[in-house]
């Protein structure tokens, strides 16, 4: 039985458009054909989450949320240093629960894999915890291993977000997409299917639809335009559809790839993902 029996929906992550106001993001997301927004919780908006959800609703958009990270949890990308300096990211040592006090209405909040250790069996106050196939770092290492994450997921009915880029790094204990260079597309497809089966597709309620190009390096090689990287997205989508999956799909693309002509590019992004999932 599927945890999420609704039709496939496509949500736009607001982190991809952090230079725009929330109301502008709502307008262009609706115009581009997205069904909802996955709102990135920052230090700037943590006390305005209900207001942001209402604005999305006024534009006919559904809402979910995504927790952030601190600089010490991921210091490998220059943009994280900038976002930390300007106060966008939470301070080192923050508690995720501190960022979710304004989340209401039973909405989903995406947590990182390592949060499942403390979060197992502990529901959010007014929201649903969903655990992503990616752990944050501590002293340069994943805070939880893929094996331990799987054991906890299998021990209970925990909703999972399958991130098709992060899950490969997490499974293989690689700290950057450059570590995927040695794998062929066929091997990457087998790894993604293996991850799906290990988790149990019925637990997966959301997919982060991401592509990467390891030859471009640690930062530029991440979150490239879908179809411009090495991940076997078409084949994996066929596999997912064949399993009868319906849920939320969130395409994640680097901010600089959307900076100009945002509305036009977002419409193309929505159509590209929609073609994969026939929605």
Protein backbone atom coordinates (compact mmCIF):
# COMPACT_ATOMS: atom_id res chain seq x y z
CA UNK A 1 0.00 0.00 0.00
CA UNK A 2 1.33 3.45 -0.88
CA UNK A 3 1.71 6.03 1.88
CA UNK A 4 0.82 8.75 -0.58
CA UNK A 5 -2.00 7.79 -2.91
CA UNK A 6 -2.60 11.21 -4.47
CA UNK A 7 -1.57 12.12 -7.98
CA UNK A 8 2.00 13.11 -8.66
CA UNK A 9 2.53 16.78 -7.88
CA UNK A 10 5.49 19.03 -8.71
CA UNK A 11 6.70 21.50 -6.09
CA UNK A 12 9.17 24.32 -6.64
CA UNK A 13 11.86 24.71 -3.94
CA UNK A 14 12.08 28.34 -2.88
CA UNK A 15 15.82 27.96 -2.14
CA UNK A 16 16.40 27.96 -5.91
CA UNK A 17 15.02 31.53 -6.07
CA UNK A 18 16.31 33.06 -2.83
CA UNK A 19 16.94 36.46 -4.46
CA UNK A 20 13.18 36.97 -5.08
CA UNK A 21 10.41 37.89 -2.64
CA UNK A 22 8.09 35.09 -1.58
CA UNK A 23 5.10 36.70 -3.27
CA UNK A 24 7.01 36.94 -6.55
CA UNK A 25 8.02 33.28 -6.25
CA UNK A 26 4.34 32.38 -5.76
CA UNK A 27 3.32 34.29 -8.88
CA UNK A 28 5.91 32.82 -11.23
CA UNK A 29 5.58 29.30 -9.77
CA UNK A 30 1.84 29.34 -10.47
CA UNK A 31 2.37 30.80 -13.94
CA UNK A 32 4.94 28.10 -14.69
CA UNK A 33 2.46 25.37 -13.74
CA UNK A 34 3.85 24.14 -10.41
CA UNK A 35 1.41 22.61 -7.94
CA UNK A 36 3.10 23.86 -4.80
CA UNK A 37 6.14 25.32 -3.04
CA UNK A 38 8.67 23.62 -0.80
CA UNK A 39 9.56 26.57 1.43
CA UNK A 40 13.16 26.64 2.66
CA UNK A 41 13.15 27.58 6.34
CA UNK A 42 15.80 30.21 6.98
CA UNK A 43 16.82 32.32 9.93
CA UNK A 44 15.02 35.19 8.18
CA UNK A 45 11.59 33.61 7.68
CA UNK A 46 11.26 31.13 10.59
CA UNK A 47 8.69 33.36 12.32
CA UNK A 48 6.66 34.01 9.15
CA UNK A 49 5.98 30.46 7.93
CA UNK A 50 2.20 30.61 8.39
CA UNK A 51 2.10 33.88 6.46
CA UNK A 52 4.15 32.37 3.63
CA UNK A 53 1.84 29.34 3.49
CA UNK A 54 -1.19 31.64 3.26
CA UNK A 55 0.39 33.58 0.40
CA UNK A 56 1.02 30.33 -1.44
CA UNK A 57 -2.58 29.23 -0.85
CA UNK A 58 -3.85 32.56 -2.21
CA UNK A 59 -2.01 31.73 -5.44
CA UNK A 60 -3.50 28.22 -5.59
CA UNK A 61 -0.31 26.52 -4.42
CA UNK A 62 0.16 23.78 -1.85
CA UNK A 63 2.98 24.02 0.71
CA UNK A 64 5.65 21.93 2.40
CA UNK A 65 8.88 22.95 4.14
CA UNK A 66 12.59 22.09 4.09
CA UNK A 67 14.95 22.52 7.03
CA UNK A 68 18.28 24.33 6.52
CA UNK A 69 21.79 23.56 7.78
CA UNK A 70 24.42 25.53 9.64
CA UNK A 71 27.84 26.37 8.26
CA UNK A 72 29.57 23.77 10.44
CA UNK A 73 27.19 21.12 9.08
CA UNK A 74 28.20 21.88 5.48
CA UNK A 75 31.12 24.20 4.91
CA UNK A 76 32.26 22.71 1.60
CA UNK A 77 30.46 25.24 -0.64
CA UNK A 78 31.37 28.95 -0.77
CA UNK A 79 27.70 30.02 -0.93
CA UNK A 80 27.12 28.51 2.52
CA UNK A 81 29.77 30.81 3.98
CA UNK A 82 28.07 33.83 2.38
CA UNK A 83 24.61 32.75 3.55
CA UNK A 84 25.93 32.21 7.05
CA UNK A 85 27.66 35.63 7.20
CA UNK A 86 24.48 37.47 6.19
CA UNK A 87 22.43 35.55 8.76
CA UNK A 88 20.32 33.54 6.33
CA UNK A 89 21.46 30.15 7.66
CA UNK A 90 20.91 29.29 11.33
CA UNK A 91 23.85 29.57 13.76
CA UNK A 92 26.02 26.60 14.65
CA UNK A 93 24.41 24.47 17.34
CA UNK A 94 20.81 25.32 16.42
CA UNK A 95 18.00 22.83 17.09
CA UNK A 96 15.65 22.03 14.17
CA UNK A 97 12.66 22.28 16.50
CA UNK A 98 13.53 25.95 17.06
CA UNK A 99 12.91 26.61 13.37
CA UNK A 100 9.53 24.88 13.19
CA UNK A 101 7.52 26.66 15.87
CA UNK A 102 5.51 28.55 13.22
CA UNK A 103 4.69 25.44 11.13
CA UNK A 104 1.02 24.47 11.48
CA UNK A 105 -1.63 22.54 9.63
CA UNK A 106 0.03 19.11 9.56
CA UNK A 107 2.34 20.09 6.71
CA UNK A 108 5.47 18.11 5.84
CA UNK A 109 8.88 19.33 6.98
CA UNK A 110 11.90 17.71 5.34
CA UNK A 111 14.57 16.77 7.90
CA UNK A 112 18.05 15.47 7.16
CA UNK A 113 18.77 11.79 7.77
CA UNK A 114 20.75 12.34 10.97
CA UNK A 115 17.71 13.96 12.62
CA UNK A 116 15.94 10.60 12.55
CA UNK A 117 18.06 9.47 15.51
CA UNK A 118 16.45 12.04 17.78
CA UNK A 119 13.24 12.24 15.78
CA UNK A 120 12.39 8.54 15.64
CA UNK A 121 9.01 8.12 17.28
CA UNK A 122 8.78 11.82 18.07
CA UNK A 123 6.28 13.58 15.82
CA UNK A 124 6.51 17.27 15.15
CA UNK A 125 4.31 19.52 17.23
CA UNK A 126 2.01 20.49 14.36
CA UNK A 127 3.69 18.93 11.36
CA UNK A 128 4.88 15.71 9.74
CA UNK A 129 8.60 14.92 9.80
CA UNK A 130 9.89 13.52 6.51
CA UNK A 131 13.47 12.26 6.44
CA UNK A 132 15.75 12.92 3.48
CA UNK A 133 18.32 10.42 2.17
CA UNK A 134 21.18 12.72 3.11
CA UNK A 135 22.99 13.32 6.37
CA UNK A 136 24.60 16.55 7.46
CA UNK A 137 28.27 16.56 8.46
CA UNK A 138 30.16 16.55 11.73
CA UNK A 139 33.94 16.96 11.57
CA UNK A 140 33.78 16.31 7.83
CA UNK A 141 31.95 12.99 8.14
CA UNK A 142 28.30 12.05 7.81
CA UNK A 143 26.62 12.25 11.22
CA UNK A 144 24.76 9.01 10.53
CA UNK A 145 25.65 6.19 8.16
CA UNK A 146 23.42 4.96 5.35
CA UNK A 147 23.23 1.57 7.09
CA UNK A 148 22.08 3.05 10.39
CA UNK A 149 19.59 5.32 8.62
CA UNK A 150 18.08 2.32 6.83
CA UNK A 151 17.77 0.32 10.04
CA UNK A 152 15.79 3.11 11.69
CA UNK A 153 13.60 3.65 8.61
CA UNK A 154 12.81 -0.04 8.47
CA UNK A 155 11.99 -0.18 12.18
CA UNK A 156 9.01 2.13 11.86
CA UNK A 157 6.67 3.90 9.50
CA UNK A 158 8.92 6.87 8.69
CA UNK A 159 8.20 8.87 5.52
CA UNK A 160 11.28 9.29 3.35
CA UNK A 161 12.41 11.85 0.76
CA UNK A 162 14.54 10.17 -1.90
CA UNK A 163 17.09 12.68 -3.22
CA UNK A 164 18.50 11.05 -6.35
CA UNK A 165 21.81 12.93 -6.08
CA UNK A 166 22.35 12.86 -2.31
CA UNK A 167 21.37 9.22 -1.95
CA UNK A 168 24.23 8.11 -4.20
CA UNK A 169 26.76 10.10 -2.16
CA UNK A 170 25.23 8.86 1.10
CA UNK A 171 25.15 5.18 0.07
CA UNK A 172 28.71 5.23 -1.24
CA UNK A 173 30.06 7.42 1.62
CA UNK A 174 31.15 10.05 -0.91
CA UNK A 175 31.26 13.73 0.14
CA UNK A 176 30.77 15.25 -3.29
CA UNK A 177 29.45 14.40 -6.74
CA UNK A 178 33.00 14.36 -8.10
CA UNK A 179 33.24 10.95 -6.43
CA UNK A 180 30.69 9.57 -8.90
CA UNK A 181 33.01 9.95 -11.91
CA UNK A 182 33.92 6.28 -12.07
CA UNK A 183 30.34 5.04 -12.35
CA UNK A 184 28.52 4.46 -15.64
CA UNK A 185 24.90 5.51 -16.14
CA UNK A 186 23.86 1.86 -15.99
CA UNK A 187 25.65 1.43 -12.66
CA UNK A 188 24.07 4.62 -11.31
CA UNK A 189 20.63 3.38 -12.36
CA UNK A 190 21.18 0.08 -10.57
CA UNK A 191 22.29 1.97 -7.46
CA UNK A 192 19.17 4.16 -7.49
CA UNK A 193 16.90 1.15 -7.91
CA UNK A 194 18.79 -0.63 -5.14
CA UNK A 195 18.27 2.39 -2.84
CA UNK A 196 14.56 2.46 -3.70
CA UNK A 197 14.16 -1.20 -2.85
CA UNK A 198 16.24 -0.95 0.33
CA UNK A 199 14.12 1.90 1.65
CA UNK A 200 10.88 0.39 0.45
CA UNK A 201 9.12 2.47 -2.18
CA UNK A 202 5.95 2.59 -0.09
CA UNK A 203 7.80 4.77 2.44
CA UNK A 204 8.92 7.34 -0.15
CA UNK A 205 6.52 10.28 -0.18
CA UNK A 206 8.73 12.79 -2.00
CA UNK A 207 11.52 12.73 -4.57
CA UNK A 208 14.14 15.43 -5.04
CA UNK A 209 14.69 15.35 -8.79
CA UNK A 210 18.30 16.38 -9.31
CA UNK A 211 21.03 15.88 -11.91
CA UNK A 212 24.79 16.23 -11.59
CA UNK A 213 27.93 16.38 -13.71
CA UNK A 214 30.92 15.09 -11.68
CA UNK A 215 33.41 16.37 -14.26
CA UNK A 216 32.47 19.98 -13.33
CA UNK A 217 33.71 19.54 -9.78
CA UNK A 218 32.40 19.75 -6.24
CA UNK A 219 30.16 22.83 -6.55
CA UNK A 220 29.47 23.44 -10.25
CA UNK A 221 28.83 19.74 -10.78
CA UNK A 222 25.83 19.74 -8.41
CA UNK A 223 22.19 20.46 -9.21
CA UNK A 224 22.71 20.95 -12.94
CA UNK A 225 19.75 21.23 -15.30
CA UNK A 226 17.85 17.90 -15.48
CA UNK A 227 19.12 15.98 -18.49
CA UNK A 228 22.41 17.92 -18.68
CA UNK A 229 24.20 15.65 -16.22
CA UNK A 230 25.04 11.97 -15.90
CA UNK A 231 22.15 10.66 -13.82
CA UNK A 232 19.78 8.24 -15.62
CA UNK A 233 16.68 10.32 -14.86
CA UNK A 234 14.52 9.08 -17.74
CA UNK A 235 15.19 5.43 -16.97
CA UNK A 236 14.68 5.91 -13.24
CA UNK A 237 11.42 7.78 -13.82
CA UNK A 238 10.22 4.86 -15.94
CA UNK A 239 11.09 2.52 -13.07
CA UNK A 240 9.21 4.68 -10.54
CA UNK A 241 6.14 4.99 -12.73
CA UNK A 242 6.24 1.23 -13.29
CA UNK A 243 6.01 0.76 -9.53
CA UNK A 244 2.82 2.85 -9.48
CA UNK A 245 4.32 5.60 -7.33
CA UNK A 246 2.45 8.86 -6.77
CA UNK A 247 3.81 11.60 -4.61
CA UNK A 248 5.58 14.93 -4.55
CA UNK A 249 8.47 15.66 -6.94
CA UNK A 250 10.77 18.61 -6.20
CA UNK A 251 13.28 19.53 -8.92
CA UNK A 252 16.39 21.15 -7.46
CA UNK A 253 18.48 23.34 -9.77
CA UNK A 254 21.42 25.61 -8.91
CA UNK A 255 20.43 29.24 -8.37
CA UNK A 256 22.68 30.63 -11.10
CA UNK A 257 20.93 28.45 -13.71
CA UNK A 258 17.62 30.20 -12.96
CA UNK A 259 18.87 33.74 -12.34
CA UNK A 260 17.84 35.26 -15.67
CA UNK A 261 14.48 34.73 -17.38
CA UNK A 262 13.16 33.00 -14.27
CA UNK A 263 9.56 32.58 -15.44
CA UNK A 264 10.55 31.13 -18.80
CA UNK A 265 13.13 28.81 -17.27
CA UNK A 266 10.77 27.67 -14.52
CA UNK A 267 8.12 26.80 -17.10
CA UNK A 268 10.71 24.75 -18.98
CA UNK A 269 11.78 23.07 -15.74
CA UNK A 270 8.18 22.24 -14.86
CA UNK A 271 7.58 20.80 -18.33
CA UNK A 272 10.81 18.77 -18.23
CA UNK A 273 9.86 17.14 -14.94
CA UNK A 274 6.26 16.75 -16.02
CA UNK A 275 7.33 14.86 -19.11
CA UNK A 276 9.23 12.38 -16.93
CA UNK A 277 6.26 11.77 -14.66
CA UNK A 278 3.43 12.26 -17.17
CA UNK A 279 1.78 15.04 -15.17
